[in-house]
């Protein structure tokens, strides 16, 4: 039981730290980060490779950045 709780605790702390770090972002920075995250997820699903994930993140970040222009 302990072995299941520890990774969940670490994941929860990582999510909380990530959200706290994003609290001071401008709307454009926020859109860039969201676009990169969505692009990375799409690249991973569509290609299944680290290169596809990185390319998706790059394209998504650029698109997200331009949305709040």
PDB file of N, CA and C in Angstrom:
ATOM      1  N   UNK A   1       0.817  -1.198   0.000  1.00  0.00           N
ATOM      2  CA  UNK A   1       0.000   0.000   0.000  1.00  0.00           C
ATOM      3  C   UNK A   1       0.864   1.266   0.000  1.00  0.00           C
ATOM      4  N   UNK A   2       1.948   1.238   0.753  1.00  0.00           N
ATOM      5  CA  UNK A   2       2.816   2.398   0.816  1.00  0.00           C
ATOM      6  C   UNK A   2       3.474   2.662  -0.530  1.00  0.00           C
ATOM      7  N   UNK A   3       3.790   1.596  -1.259  1.00  0.00           N
ATOM      8  CA  UNK A   3       4.456   1.786  -2.543  1.00  0.00           C
ATOM      9  C   UNK A   3       3.565   2.485  -3.564  1.00  0.00           C
ATOM     10  N   UNK A   4       2.261   2.415  -3.411  1.00  0.00           N
ATOM     11  CA  UNK A   4       1.343   3.095  -4.319  1.00  0.00           C
ATOM     12  C   UNK A   4       1.156   4.552  -3.908  1.00  0.00           C
ATOM     13  N   UNK A   5       1.152   4.816  -2.636  1.00  0.00           N
ATOM     14  CA  UNK A   5       0.905   6.185  -2.162  1.00  0.00           C
ATOM     15  C   UNK A   5       2.071   7.121  -2.421  1.00  0.00           C
ATOM     16  N   UNK A   6       3.294   6.622  -2.322  1.00  0.00           N
ATOM     17  CA  UNK A   6       4.454   7.496  -2.469  1.00  0.00           C
ATOM     18  C   UNK A   6       4.534   8.134  -3.857  1.00  0.00           C
ATOM     19  N   UNK A   7       4.436   7.372  -4.947  1.00  0.00           N
ATOM     20  CA  UNK A   7       4.458   8.025  -6.269  1.00  0.00           C
ATOM     21  C   UNK A   7       3.301   9.003  -6.476  1.00  0.00           C
ATOM     22  N   UNK A   8       2.141   8.678  -5.929  1.00  0.00           N
ATOM     23  CA  UNK A   8       1.002   9.587  -6.054  1.00  0.00           C
ATOM     24  C   UNK A   8       1.279  10.890  -5.309  1.00  0.00           C
ATOM     25  N   UNK A   9       1.921  10.802  -4.160  1.00  0.00           N
ATOM     26  CA  UNK A   9       2.276  11.996  -3.393  1.00  0.00           C
ATOM     27  C   UNK A   9       3.284  12.843  -4.163  1.00  0.00           C
ATOM     28  N   UNK A  10       4.289  12.201  -4.727  1.00  0.00           N
ATOM     29  CA  UNK A  10       5.298  12.926  -5.498  1.00  0.00           C
ATOM     30  C   UNK A  10       4.657  13.593  -6.716  1.00  0.00           C
ATOM     31  N   UNK A  11       3.779  12.883  -7.412  1.00  0.00           N
ATOM     32  CA  UNK A  11       3.109  13.462  -8.573  1.00  0.00           C
ATOM     33  C   UNK A  11       2.246  14.658  -8.165  1.00  0.00           C
ATOM     34  N   UNK A  12       1.539  14.542  -7.052  1.00  0.00           N
ATOM     35  CA  UNK A  12       0.715  15.648  -6.570  1.00  0.00           C
ATOM     36  C   UNK A  12       1.544  16.867  -6.214  1.00  0.00           C
ATOM     37  N   UNK A  13       2.681  16.651  -5.576  1.00  0.00           N
ATOM     38  CA  UNK A  13       3.568  17.765  -5.239  1.00  0.00           C
ATOM     39  C   UNK A  13       4.149  18.413  -6.500  1.00  0.00           C
ATOM     40  N   UNK A  14       4.465  17.602  -7.494  1.00  0.00           N
ATOM     41  CA  UNK A  14       4.992  18.145  -8.742  1.00  0.00           C
ATOM     42  C   UNK A  14       3.951  19.010  -9.447  1.00  0.00           C
ATOM     43  N   UNK A  15       2.708  18.562  -9.460  1.00  0.00           N
ATOM     44  CA  UNK A  15       1.639  19.343 -10.086  1.00  0.00           C
ATOM     45  C   UNK A  15       1.428  20.657  -9.327  1.00  0.00           C
ATOM     46  N   UNK A  16       1.429  20.591  -8.004  1.00  0.00           N
ATOM     47  CA  UNK A  16       1.241  21.804  -7.207  1.00  0.00           C
ATOM     48  C   UNK A  16       2.374  22.800  -7.436  1.00  0.00           C
ATOM     49  N   UNK A  17       3.604  22.309  -7.514  1.00  0.00           N
ATOM     50  CA  UNK A  17       4.745  23.199  -7.749  1.00  0.00           C
ATOM     51  C   UNK A  17       4.674  23.824  -9.138  1.00  0.00           C
ATOM     52  N   UNK A  18       4.247  23.051 -10.111  1.00  0.00           N
ATOM     53  CA  UNK A  18       4.122  23.572 -11.466  1.00  0.00           C
ATOM     54  C   UNK A  18       3.064  24.662 -11.547  1.00  0.00           C
ATOM     55  N   UNK A  19       1.932  24.432 -10.919  1.00  0.00           N
ATOM     56  CA  UNK A  19       0.867  25.436 -10.940  1.00  0.00           C
ATOM     57  C   UNK A  19       1.273  26.696 -10.194  1.00  0.00           C
ATOM     58  N   UNK A  20       2.000  26.552  -9.113  1.00  0.00           N
ATOM     59  CA  UNK A  20       2.453  27.717  -8.356  1.00  0.00           C
ATOM     60  C   UNK A  20       3.448  28.537  -9.165  1.00  0.00           C
ATOM     61  N   UNK A  21       4.273  27.868  -9.939  1.00  0.00           N
ATOM     62  CA  UNK A  21       5.268  28.571 -10.752  1.00  0.00           C
ATOM     63  C   UNK A  21       4.618  29.361 -11.878  1.00  0.00           C
ATOM     64  N   UNK A  22       3.451  28.982 -12.298  1.00  0.00           N
ATOM     65  CA  UNK A  22       2.769  29.640 -13.419  1.00  0.00           C
ATOM     66  C   UNK A  22       1.856  30.777 -12.983  1.00  0.00           C
ATOM     67  N   UNK A  23       1.818  31.098 -11.723  1.00  0.00           N
ATOM     68  CA  UNK A  23       0.856  32.083 -11.235  1.00  0.00           C
ATOM     69  C   UNK A  23       1.147  33.507 -11.701  1.00  0.00           C
ATOM     70  N   UNK A  24       2.396  33.816 -12.013  1.00  0.00           N
ATOM     71  CA  UNK A  24       2.739  35.177 -12.410  1.00  0.00           C
ATOM     72  C   UNK A  24       2.875  35.370 -13.909  1.00  0.00           C
ATOM     73  N   UNK A  25       2.342  34.467 -14.693  1.00  0.00           N
ATOM     74  CA  UNK A  25       2.479  34.548 -16.143  1.00  0.00           C
ATOM     75  C   UNK A  25       1.529  35.575 -16.747  1.00  0.00           C
ATOM     76  N   UNK A  26       1.991  36.186 -17.833  1.00  0.00           N
ATOM     77  CA  UNK A  26       1.110  37.052 -18.607  1.00  0.00           C
ATOM     78  C   UNK A  26       0.183  36.156 -19.434  1.00  0.00           C
ATOM     79  N   UNK A  27      -0.897  36.711 -19.964  1.00  0.00           N
ATOM     80  CA  UNK A  27      -1.787  35.889 -20.804  1.00  0.00           C
ATOM     81  C   UNK A  27      -1.073  35.272 -22.010  1.00  0.00           C
ATOM     82  N   UNK A  28      -0.148  36.003 -22.588  1.00  0.00           N
ATOM     83  CA  UNK A  28       0.582  35.472 -23.750  1.00  0.00           C
ATOM     84  C   UNK A  28       1.491  34.315 -23.340  1.00  0.00           C
ATOM     85  N   UNK A  29       2.184  34.444 -22.210  1.00  0.00           N
ATOM     86  CA  UNK A  29       3.031  33.359 -21.713  1.00  0.00           C
ATOM     87  C   UNK A  29       2.187  32.132 -21.378  1.00  0.00           C
ATOM     88  N   UNK A  30       1.030  32.378 -20.802  1.00  0.00           N
ATOM     89  CA  UNK A  30       0.130  31.279 -20.462  1.00  0.00           C
ATOM     90  C   UNK A  30      -0.324  30.547 -21.723  1.00  0.00           C
ATOM     91  N   UNK A  31      -0.698  31.282 -22.747  1.00  0.00           N
ATOM     92  CA  UNK A  31      -1.128  30.661 -24.001  1.00  0.00           C
ATOM     93  C   UNK A  31       0.008  29.878 -24.649  1.00  0.00           C
ATOM     94  N   UNK A  32       1.229  30.396 -24.550  1.00  0.00           N
ATOM     95  CA  UNK A  32       2.379  29.692 -25.097  1.00  0.00           C
ATOM     96  C   UNK A  32       2.595  28.369 -24.376  1.00  0.00           C
ATOM     97  N   UNK A  33       2.518  28.403 -23.057  1.00  0.00           N
ATOM     98  CA  UNK A  33       2.706  27.179 -22.269  1.00  0.00           C
ATOM     99  C   UNK A  33       1.599  26.156 -22.538  1.00  0.00           C
ATOM    100  N   UNK A  34       0.376  26.612 -22.612  1.00  0.00           N
ATOM    101  CA  UNK A  34      -0.741  25.708 -22.891  1.00  0.00           C
ATOM    102  C   UNK A  34      -0.595  25.118 -24.292  1.00  0.00           C
ATOM    103  N   UNK A  35      -0.241  25.942 -25.259  1.00  0.00           N
ATOM    104  CA  UNK A  35      -0.041  25.454 -26.618  1.00  0.00           C
ATOM    105  C   UNK A  35       1.071  24.420 -26.691  1.00  0.00           C
ATOM    106  N   UNK A  36       2.158  24.663 -25.972  1.00  0.00           N
ATOM    107  CA  UNK A  36       3.266  23.706 -25.964  1.00  0.00           C
ATOM    108  C   UNK A  36       2.839  22.386 -25.329  1.00  0.00           C
ATOM    109  N   UNK A  37       2.066  22.465 -24.263  1.00  0.00           N
ATOM    110  CA  UNK A  37       1.591  21.238 -23.612  1.00  0.00           C
ATOM    111  C   UNK A  37       0.658  20.434 -24.493  1.00  0.00           C
ATOM    112  N   UNK A  38      -0.266  21.122 -25.121  1.00  0.00           N
ATOM    113  CA  UNK A  38      -1.205  20.434 -26.017  1.00  0.00           C
ATOM    114  C   UNK A  38      -0.467  19.879 -27.231  1.00  0.00           C
ATOM    115  N   UNK A  39       0.464  20.659 -27.764  1.00  0.00           N
ATOM    116  CA  UNK A  39       1.245  20.192 -28.907  1.00  0.00           C
ATOM    117  C   UNK A  39       2.099  18.982 -28.564  1.00  0.00           C
ATOM    118  N   UNK A  40       2.696  18.981 -27.379  1.00  0.00           N
ATOM    119  CA  UNK A  40       3.506  17.841 -26.957  1.00  0.00           C
ATOM    120  C   UNK A  40       2.649  16.589 -26.814  1.00  0.00           C
ATOM    121  N   UNK A  41       1.477  16.744 -26.225  1.00  0.00           N
ATOM    122  CA  UNK A  41       0.579  15.595 -26.079  1.00  0.00           C
ATOM    123  C   UNK A  41       0.141  15.079 -27.445  1.00  0.00           C
ATOM    124  N   UNK A  42      -0.197  15.985 -28.348  1.00  0.00           N
ATOM    125  CA  UNK A  42      -0.622  15.566 -29.684  1.00  0.00           C
ATOM    126  C   UNK A  42       0.525  14.897 -30.437  1.00  0.00           C
ATOM    127  N   UNK A  43       1.719  15.468 -30.327  1.00  0.00           N
ATOM    128  CA  UNK A  43       2.879  14.864 -30.995  1.00  0.00           C
ATOM    129  C   UNK A  43       3.189  13.480 -30.472  1.00  0.00           C
ATOM    130  N   UNK A  44       3.047  13.300 -29.153  1.00  0.00           N
ATOM    131  CA  UNK A  44       3.300  11.985 -28.563  1.00  0.00           C
ATOM    132  C   UNK A  44       2.272  10.967 -29.019  1.00  0.00           C
ATOM    133  N   UNK A  45       1.015  11.369 -29.077  1.00  0.00           N
ATOM    134  CA  UNK A  45      -0.048  10.449 -29.497  1.00  0.00           C
ATOM    135  C   UNK A  45       0.078  10.110 -30.980  1.00  0.00           C
ATOM    136  N   UNK A  46       0.339  11.109 -31.794  1.00  0.00           N
ATOM    137  CA  UNK A  46       0.373  10.884 -33.239  1.00  0.00           C
ATOM    138  C   UNK A  46       1.613  10.128 -33.706  1.00  0.00           C
ATOM    139  N   UNK A  47       2.772  10.393 -33.086  1.00  0.00           N
ATOM    140  CA  UNK A  47       3.998   9.765 -33.566  1.00  0.00           C
ATOM    141  C   UNK A  47       4.524   8.681 -32.640  1.00  0.00           C
ATOM    142  N   UNK A  48       4.353   8.852 -31.343  1.00  0.00           N
ATOM    143  CA  UNK A  48       4.876   7.890 -30.387  1.00  0.00           C
ATOM    144  C   UNK A  48       6.383   7.955 -30.215  1.00  0.00           C
ATOM    145  N   UNK A  49       7.000   9.023 -30.681  1.00  0.00           N
ATOM    146  CA  UNK A  49       8.452   9.166 -30.563  1.00  0.00           C
ATOM    147  C   UNK A  49       8.796  10.436 -29.789  1.00  0.00           C
ATOM    148  N   UNK A  50       9.961  10.475 -29.164  1.00  0.00           N
ATOM    149  CA  UNK A  50      10.387  11.710 -28.484  1.00  0.00           C
ATOM    150  C   UNK A  50      10.535  12.887 -29.451  1.00  0.00           C
ATOM    151  N   UNK A  51      10.963  12.600 -30.673  1.00  0.00           N
ATOM    152  CA  UNK A  51      11.117  13.679 -31.662  1.00  0.00           C
ATOM    153  C   UNK A  51       9.761  14.268 -32.036  1.00  0.00           C
ATOM    154  N   UNK A  52       8.761  13.415 -32.167  1.00  0.00           N
ATOM    155  CA  UNK A  52       7.418  13.899 -32.465  1.00  0.00           C
ATOM    156  C   UNK A  52       6.839  14.713 -31.330  1.00  0.00           C
ATOM    157  N   UNK A  53       7.152  14.290 -30.096  1.00  0.00           N
ATOM    158  CA  UNK A  53       6.694  15.034 -28.926  1.00  0.00           C
ATOM    159  C   UNK A  53       7.337  16.421 -28.893  1.00  0.00           C
ATOM    160  N   UNK A  54       8.648  16.480 -29.144  1.00  0.00           N
ATOM    161  CA  UNK A  54       9.348  17.763 -29.138  1.00  0.00           C
ATOM    162  C   UNK A  54       8.860  18.672 -30.259  1.00  0.00           C
ATOM    163  N   UNK A  55       8.651  18.088 -31.439  1.00  0.00           N
ATOM    164  CA  UNK A  55       8.161  18.890 -32.566  1.00  0.00           C
ATOM    165  C   UNK A  55       6.758  19.415 -32.278  1.00  0.00           C
ATOM    166  N   UNK A  56       5.903  18.576 -31.700  1.00  0.00           N
ATOM    167  CA  UNK A  56       4.560  19.017 -31.346  1.00  0.00           C
ATOM    168  C   UNK A  56       4.575  20.135 -30.325  1.00  0.00           C
ATOM    169  N   UNK A  57       5.486  20.024 -29.351  1.00  0.00           N
ATOM    170  CA  UNK A  57       5.601  21.077 -28.339  1.00  0.00           C
ATOM    171  C   UNK A  57       6.062  22.389 -28.968  1.00  0.00           C
ATOM    172  N   UNK A  58       7.010  22.298 -29.886  1.00  0.00           N
ATOM    173  CA  UNK A  58       7.509  23.510 -30.539  1.00  0.00           C
ATOM    174  C   UNK A  58       6.421  24.184 -31.365  1.00  0.00           C
ATOM    175  N   UNK A  59       5.737  23.403 -32.164  1.00  0.00           N
ATOM    176  CA  UNK A  59       4.667  23.975 -33.006  1.00  0.00           C
ATOM    177  C   UNK A  59       3.542  24.519 -32.139  1.00  0.00           C
ATOM    178  N   UNK A  60       3.151  23.760 -31.119  1.00  0.00           N
ATOM    179  CA  UNK A  60       2.087  24.216 -30.224  1.00  0.00           C
ATOM    180  C   UNK A  60       2.458  25.488 -29.486  1.00  0.00           C
ATOM    181  N   UNK A  61       3.722  25.600 -29.078  1.00  0.00           N
ATOM    182  CA  UNK A  61       4.174  26.812 -28.402  1.00  0.00           C
ATOM    183  C   UNK A  61       4.110  28.034 -29.302  1.00  0.00           C
ATOM    184  N   UNK A  62       4.490  27.856 -30.547  1.00  0.00           N
ATOM    185  CA  UNK A  62       4.439  28.975 -31.508  1.00  0.00           C
ATOM    186  C   UNK A  62       2.990  29.387 -31.759  1.00  0.00           C
ATOM    187  N   UNK A  63       2.118  28.401 -31.956  1.00  0.00           N
ATOM    188  CA  UNK A  63       0.712  28.707 -32.195  1.00  0.00           C
ATOM    189  C   UNK A  63       0.107  29.396 -30.966  1.00  0.00           C
ATOM    190  N   UNK A  64       0.398  28.868 -29.781  1.00  0.00           N
ATOM    191  CA  UNK A  64      -0.120  29.481 -28.555  1.00  0.00           C
ATOM    192  C   UNK A  64       0.370  30.896 -28.355  1.00  0.00           C
ATOM    193  N   UNK A  65       1.614  31.137 -28.736  1.00  0.00           N
ATOM    194  CA  UNK A  65       2.195  32.471 -28.611  1.00  0.00           C
ATOM    195  C   UNK A  65       1.500  33.452 -29.541  1.00  0.00           C
ATOM    196  N   UNK A  66       1.135  33.006 -30.721  1.00  0.00           N
ATOM    197  CA  UNK A  66       0.503  33.890 -31.689  1.00  0.00           C
ATOM    198  C   UNK A  66      -0.968  34.141 -31.393  1.00  0.00           C
ATOM    199  N   UNK A  67      -1.595  33.281 -30.626  1.00  0.00           N
ATOM    200  CA  UNK A  67      -3.009  33.452 -30.297  1.00  0.00           C
ATOM    201  C   UNK A  67      -3.231  34.733 -29.500  1.00  0.00           C
ATOM    202  N   UNK A  68      -2.372  35.032 -28.566  1.00  0.00           N
ATOM    203  CA  UNK A  68      -2.533  36.231 -27.722  1.00  0.00           C
ATOM    204  C   UNK A  68      -1.742  37.415 -28.243  1.00  0.00           C
ATOM    205  N   UNK A  69      -1.510  37.473 -29.508  1.00  0.00           N
ATOM    206  CA  UNK A  69      -0.724  38.556 -30.098  1.00  0.00           C
ATOM    207  C   UNK A  69      -1.500  39.809 -30.238  1.00  0.00           C
TER     208      UNK A  69
END
